[in-house]
Protein backbone atom coordinates (compact mmCIF):
# COMPACT_ATOMS: atom_id res chain seq x y z
CA MET A 1 57.27 -3.16 -52.88
CA ASN A 2 58.63 -4.70 -49.64
CA LEU A 3 57.88 -0.65 -47.86
CA SER A 4 54.81 -0.64 -49.84
CA LEU A 5 53.33 -3.64 -47.98
CA LEU A 6 55.10 -2.50 -44.73
CA ARG A 7 53.12 0.55 -44.39
CA LEU A 8 49.64 -1.09 -45.38
CA SER A 9 50.78 -3.53 -42.93
CA SER A 10 51.33 -0.85 -40.39
CA LYS A 11 48.36 1.02 -40.86
CA SER A 12 46.09 -1.89 -40.53
CA LEU A 13 47.74 -3.17 -37.26
CA TRP A 14 46.64 0.26 -36.54
CA ARG A 15 43.19 0.07 -37.08
CA GLU A 16 42.67 -2.72 -35.26
CA HIS A 17 44.34 -1.83 -32.38
CA PRO A 18 41.98 -1.21 -29.32
CA LEU A 19 42.58 2.02 -28.05
CA TRP A 20 41.28 2.93 -32.28
CA ASN A 21 37.81 1.22 -31.37
CA TRP A 22 37.40 3.68 -28.45
CA LEU A 23 37.94 7.06 -30.49
CA GLY A 24 34.02 6.96 -31.46
CA LEU A 25 33.34 7.25 -27.32
CA LEU A 26 35.52 10.39 -26.68
CA PRO A 27 32.31 12.67 -26.88
CA PHE A 28 30.47 10.77 -25.32
CA PHE A 29 33.04 10.20 -22.21
CA ALA A 30 33.80 14.16 -22.72
CA PHE A 31 29.93 14.65 -22.42
CA ILE A 32 29.17 12.30 -19.40
CA LEU A 33 32.54 14.33 -17.89
CA PHE A 34 31.56 17.88 -18.72
CA PHE A 35 27.63 17.49 -17.98
CA LEU A 36 27.90 14.76 -15.06
CA LEU A 37 30.49 14.56 -12.76
CA VAL A 38 31.45 17.40 -12.64
CA PRO A 39 28.56 18.60 -11.93
CA SER A 40 27.71 15.90 -9.03
CA LEU A 41 31.27 16.92 -7.79
CA ASN A 42 30.48 20.24 -7.57
CA LEU A 43 27.14 19.46 -6.02
CA PHE A 44 28.83 16.87 -3.43
CA SER A 45 31.84 19.27 -2.35
CA GLY A 46 28.79 22.36 -2.48
CA ALA A 47 26.32 20.73 0.21
CA PHE A 48 29.58 20.66 3.09
CA VAL A 49 31.15 24.18 2.90
CA ASN A 50 29.28 27.90 3.78
CA ARG A 51 29.44 30.88 2.28
CA SER A 52 32.71 31.40 2.92
CA GLY A 53 33.99 27.97 1.85
CA ALA A 54 34.94 26.62 4.46
CA PHE A 55 33.59 22.81 5.50
CA THR A 56 30.72 22.71 7.81
CA LEU A 57 27.66 20.70 8.26
CA GLU A 58 25.10 23.24 8.88
CA ASN A 59 23.52 22.47 5.95
CA LEU A 60 22.71 19.19 6.63
CA ALA A 61 19.99 20.66 9.15
CA VAL A 62 18.20 21.66 6.36
CA PHE A 63 16.66 18.23 7.05
CA ALA A 64 15.22 19.33 9.76
CA ASN A 65 12.87 22.06 8.62
CA PRO A 66 8.80 20.21 8.38
CA ASN A 67 8.78 22.25 5.30
CA VAL A 68 11.36 20.47 3.56
CA ILE A 69 10.30 17.03 4.71
CA LYS A 70 6.97 17.76 3.80
CA ALA A 71 8.28 18.62 0.25
CA TYR A 72 10.14 15.37 0.66
CA LEU A 73 6.88 13.32 1.22
CA THR A 74 4.41 14.60 -1.37
CA SER A 75 6.90 14.14 -3.67
CA LEU A 76 7.38 10.51 -2.90
CA GLN A 77 3.85 11.09 -2.80
CA VAL A 78 3.64 12.29 -6.46
CA SER A 79 6.47 9.85 -7.70
CA LEU A 80 4.54 6.64 -6.72
CA ILE A 81 1.21 7.23 -7.44
CA THR A 82 2.08 8.34 -11.15
CA ALA A 83 4.15 4.73 -11.51
CA LEU A 84 1.75 2.57 -10.17
CA MET A 85 -0.79 4.45 -12.66
CA GLY A 86 1.43 4.53 -15.14
CA GLY A 87 2.55 1.49 -14.43
CA VAL A 88 -1.05 -0.40 -14.22
CA PHE A 89 -2.03 1.75 -17.22
CA GLY A 90 1.59 1.07 -19.20
CA PHE A 91 1.17 -2.09 -19.11
CA PHE A 92 -2.23 -3.04 -20.24
CA VAL A 93 -1.30 -0.97 -23.30
CA ALA A 94 2.01 -2.96 -24.13
CA TYR A 95 -0.16 -5.95 -23.28
CA ALA A 96 -2.03 -5.39 -25.76
CA VAL A 97 -0.44 -4.57 -28.71
CA THR A 98 2.09 -6.88 -28.37
CA ILE A 99 0.39 -10.37 -26.52
CA GLY A 100 -3.62 -9.26 -28.02
CA ASN A 101 -5.35 -9.05 -30.97
CA ALA A 102 -4.50 -5.04 -31.69
CA PRO A 103 -3.90 -4.47 -35.64
CA ARG A 104 0.37 -4.40 -36.62
CA TRP A 105 -0.80 -0.95 -37.57
CA MET A 106 -1.86 0.15 -34.23
CA ARG A 107 1.43 -1.19 -32.58
CA ASN A 108 3.04 1.25 -34.55
CA VAL A 109 1.02 4.23 -33.78
CA ILE A 110 1.42 3.32 -30.16
CA LEU A 111 5.44 3.02 -29.96
CA THR A 112 5.74 5.82 -31.71
CA PHE A 113 3.33 8.33 -29.49
CA SER A 114 5.15 6.46 -27.20
CA GLY A 115 8.90 7.39 -28.21
CA LEU A 116 7.07 11.34 -28.15
CA ALA A 117 5.24 11.59 -24.92
CA ALA A 118 7.69 9.72 -22.92
CA ASN A 119 10.32 12.76 -23.68
CA PHE A 120 6.86 15.51 -23.94
CA GLY A 121 6.87 17.42 -20.68
CA GLY A 122 8.36 20.26 -18.95
CA VAL A 123 6.51 24.04 -20.32
CA PRO A 124 5.31 22.22 -23.44
CA LEU A 125 3.13 19.93 -21.22
CA ALA A 126 2.12 22.02 -18.74
CA PHE A 127 0.73 24.28 -21.90
CA ALA A 128 -1.59 21.44 -23.06
CA PHE A 129 -2.60 20.68 -20.23
CA ILE A 130 -3.99 24.31 -19.25
CA ALA A 131 -5.16 24.94 -22.89
CA THR A 132 -6.56 20.80 -22.22
CA LEU A 133 -8.09 21.22 -18.74
CA GLY A 134 -7.40 24.39 -17.07
CA ARG A 135 -10.70 26.20 -15.96
CA THR A 136 -11.15 28.09 -19.71
CA GLY A 137 -9.48 25.03 -21.32
CA PHE A 138 -11.23 23.22 -24.17
CA ILE A 139 -13.10 20.27 -22.51
CA THR A 140 -13.47 21.89 -19.38
CA ALA A 141 -15.46 24.46 -21.73
CA LEU A 142 -16.70 21.54 -23.54
CA LEU A 143 -17.58 19.63 -19.96
CA LYS A 144 -20.07 23.46 -18.71
CA GLY A 145 -21.30 23.47 -22.41
CA ILE A 146 -23.41 19.82 -21.59
CA CYS A 147 -25.97 21.78 -19.59
CA PHE A 148 -30.35 20.27 -18.69
CA SER A 149 -32.96 21.45 -17.56
CA ASN A 150 -34.44 20.25 -14.69
CA VAL A 151 -38.29 19.95 -13.23
CA ALA A 152 -38.34 23.75 -12.10
CA GLY A 153 -36.96 24.54 -15.54
CA GLU A 154 -33.94 25.77 -14.74
CA ALA A 155 -30.29 24.81 -16.77
CA VAL A 156 -28.33 21.90 -14.87
CA CYS A 157 -24.17 21.27 -16.12
CA PRO A 158 -23.35 18.43 -14.06
CA PHE A 159 -20.20 17.63 -15.96
CA ASN A 160 -18.01 20.79 -15.06
CA PRO A 161 -15.28 18.74 -13.33
CA TYR A 162 -14.37 22.42 -11.17
CA ASP A 163 -17.24 21.88 -9.76
CA TYR A 164 -16.77 19.00 -7.61
CA GLY A 165 -13.25 19.65 -6.49
CA PHE A 166 -11.00 18.60 -9.28
CA SER A 167 -8.06 21.43 -10.29
CA LEU A 168 -5.51 20.96 -12.64
CA TYR A 169 -3.43 22.88 -10.52
CA SER A 170 -3.92 21.28 -7.44
CA LEU A 171 -1.95 17.67 -6.54
CA SER A 172 -4.89 15.84 -8.00
CA GLY A 173 -4.12 17.85 -11.70
CA LEU A 174 -0.36 17.19 -10.89
CA VAL A 175 -0.86 13.61 -11.48
CA LEU A 176 -2.72 13.60 -13.92
CA ALA A 177 -0.22 15.76 -15.82
CA TYR A 178 2.82 13.21 -14.51
CA THR A 179 0.86 10.23 -15.74
CA TYR A 180 0.79 11.78 -19.09
CA PHE A 181 4.80 11.16 -19.63
CA GLN A 182 4.81 8.57 -17.00
CA PHE A 183 2.35 5.48 -19.10
CA PRO A 184 4.59 6.07 -22.72
CA LEU A 185 7.48 5.75 -20.54
CA MET A 186 6.25 2.17 -19.27
CA VAL A 187 4.61 0.74 -23.01
CA LEU A 188 8.81 1.43 -24.10
CA THR A 189 10.34 -0.52 -20.72
CA ILE A 190 7.99 -3.27 -20.67
CA THR A 191 6.96 -4.08 -24.45
CA PRO A 192 10.50 -5.89 -24.92
CA ALA A 193 10.55 -7.85 -21.18
CA LEU A 194 6.59 -9.34 -22.73
CA GLU A 195 7.53 -10.13 -26.35
CA GLY A 196 10.36 -12.25 -24.52
CA LEU A 197 7.52 -13.94 -22.90
CA ARG A 198 8.27 -17.29 -25.07
CA LYS A 199 5.33 -19.06 -26.86
CA GLU A 200 6.46 -22.56 -26.42
CA TRP A 201 5.59 -21.82 -22.24
CA ARG A 202 2.01 -20.58 -23.08
CA GLU A 203 1.74 -23.99 -25.34
CA ALA A 204 3.47 -25.87 -23.00
CA SER A 205 0.57 -24.89 -20.21
CA ALA A 206 -2.05 -25.80 -22.59
CA ASN A 207 -1.12 -28.73 -23.45
CA LEU A 208 -0.82 -29.69 -19.53
CA GLY A 209 -4.69 -28.75 -18.86
CA ALA A 210 -3.67 -24.93 -17.45
CA SER A 211 -6.44 -22.50 -17.91
CA GLU A 212 -5.24 -18.79 -18.90
CA TRP A 213 -5.55 -17.89 -16.14
CA GLN A 214 -3.17 -20.29 -14.45
CA TYR A 215 -0.69 -19.48 -17.23
CA TRP A 216 0.06 -15.87 -16.26
CA ARG A 217 -0.25 -16.60 -12.45
CA ASP A 218 2.36 -19.50 -12.32
CA ILE A 219 4.26 -18.56 -15.42
CA ALA A 220 4.10 -15.31 -16.75
CA LEU A 221 3.71 -13.30 -14.00
CA PRO A 222 6.93 -14.46 -12.30
CA VAL A 223 9.12 -14.15 -15.21
CA LEU A 224 7.55 -10.64 -15.45
CA THR A 225 7.69 -9.24 -12.29
CA PRO A 226 11.65 -8.50 -11.89
CA SER A 227 10.60 -6.44 -15.39
CA LEU A 228 7.73 -5.07 -13.80
CA LEU A 229 8.81 -3.94 -10.73
CA GLY A 230 11.99 -2.98 -12.52
CA ALA A 231 9.78 -0.04 -15.09
CA THR A 232 8.25 1.05 -12.22
CA LEU A 233 11.00 2.44 -10.17
CA LEU A 234 11.86 3.92 -13.20
CA LEU A 235 9.06 4.79 -13.43
CA PHE A 236 9.18 6.43 -9.76
CA GLY A 237 12.89 8.00 -10.88
CA ASN A 238 11.68 9.84 -13.29
CA ALA A 239 8.82 11.41 -11.74
CA PHE A 240 10.66 12.03 -8.56
CA GLY A 241 13.53 13.84 -10.65
CA ALA A 242 10.43 16.28 -12.21
CA TYR A 243 10.75 20.08 -12.42
CA ALA A 244 9.78 22.04 -15.16
CA THR A 245 6.17 20.77 -15.29
CA ALA A 246 5.27 21.18 -11.49
CA GLN A 247 6.61 24.28 -11.65
CA ALA A 248 4.86 25.06 -14.64
CA LEU A 249 2.10 23.92 -14.46
CA THR A 250 1.44 25.30 -10.15
CA GLY A 251 3.95 28.00 -9.66
CA GLY A 252 5.44 26.46 -7.13
CA SER A 253 2.23 26.35 -4.87
CA ILE A 254 2.48 22.74 -4.09
CA PRO A 255 5.82 21.90 -2.05
CA LEU A 256 7.98 19.15 -4.37
CA VAL A 257 11.74 19.09 -3.15
CA THR A 258 12.65 19.89 -6.97
CA ILE A 259 10.63 23.56 -6.15
CA PHE A 260 12.78 23.61 -3.01
CA ILE A 261 16.08 23.25 -4.60
CA GLY A 262 15.50 25.77 -6.63
CA GLN A 263 13.94 28.18 -5.19
CA GLN A 264 17.13 28.07 -2.66
CA ILE A 265 19.94 27.73 -5.33
CA ARG A 266 18.34 30.62 -7.54
CA GLY A 267 18.90 33.15 -3.82
CA ASP A 268 15.01 33.58 -3.57
CA VAL A 269 13.97 35.21 -0.40
CA LEU A 270 17.23 34.35 2.08
CA GLY A 271 18.19 31.06 -0.12
CA ASN A 272 20.80 29.24 0.95
CA PRO A 273 22.35 28.10 -2.56
CA HIS A 274 24.56 25.65 -0.61
CA GLU A 275 21.00 23.88 1.68
CA GLY A 276 19.98 23.57 -2.34
CA TYR A 277 22.85 21.44 -2.66
CA ALA A 278 22.44 19.26 0.51
CA LEU A 279 18.55 19.85 -0.79
CA ALA A 280 19.91 18.03 -4.08
CA LEU A 281 22.44 15.25 -2.33
CA GLY A 282 19.18 14.16 -0.48
CA MET A 283 17.77 13.49 -4.28
CA VAL A 284 20.67 11.98 -4.88
CA VAL A 285 20.92 9.69 -2.59
CA ILE A 286 17.06 8.16 -3.02
CA MET A 287 17.47 8.05 -6.84
CA ALA A 288 21.31 6.13 -6.66
CA LEU A 289 19.22 3.65 -4.59
CA THR A 290 16.35 3.27 -7.05
CA ILE A 291 18.92 3.09 -9.90
CA VAL A 292 20.73 -0.03 -8.24
CA ALA A 293 17.44 -1.34 -7.19
CA TYR A 294 16.77 -1.17 -11.13
CA THR A 295 19.69 -3.18 -11.82
CA ALA A 296 19.45 -5.46 -9.69
CA LEU A 297 15.94 -6.42 -11.31
CA GLN A 298 17.42 -6.09 -14.94
CA LYS A 299 20.21 -8.15 -14.32
CA GLN A 300 17.00 -10.75 -12.94
CA SER A 301 14.73 -10.02 -15.48
CA SER A 302 17.75 -10.92 -18.14
CA ARG A 303 18.63 -14.37 -15.88
CA TRP A 304 14.37 -15.20 -16.67
CA MET A 305 14.70 -14.62 -20.22
CA LYS A 306 18.12 -16.19 -21.40
CA SER A 307 16.92 -19.44 -19.56
């Protein structure tokens, strides 16, 4: 009897041991090790060795290449524009389904769509936009078919976007495609912050005679500012690291740093994989700064919400 009790107590003690609680995290740590840490270490080491494996700093000279500088500037431009566009659009959509008077069913539909659209990218997204807004896309064909007769009896079709300089395969088309998955990410990111605005704050400001504009200017926006900036930084990093959508949509005709890295690592036309590692190292530095700023802003936001 005492022996069985001893066995039961030993089993319960083992299950209550702190190491047992970490057992379920072993697959996660293994994934982080083999798919994040090891590739990152390989990237860092590859940026500082030559083809023979000897240490060198020559790979960093790739940053003096004007084409590389242009690629970084273009990537930063696309990331900034889509982060701002997606951030503003996503904020108003999130406002409509949280604080606004949108029906509850619409909130569920929009949040479900945002969860799907935020992860819909790459080749499928590029194909969807080509089939929709390409030169032979169905919306383009629909707009081309809207024609009128002028005074001379000639047919005028004024709604063809390609007649006004628009092209899906240009920088503006790429920005449009990126915005598709940027604003749903903003909706998912900023919705909890909007839900964290307490009703007591609005009621107190109204009781004190403040208008709706004064409430947003003096209370809501200062509280939301860290969350808004953090979400915008998240969108910036999301666009800066995108590759497949741009490659599939433009065929690499737009100089983006991710496309340059892919060309170097694949060894296209005198490509040097180690220079590709150096370019990726520059991206990692920018992404790391983005993550650090995002984390700091999230801490500031959570401090506001807990107060």
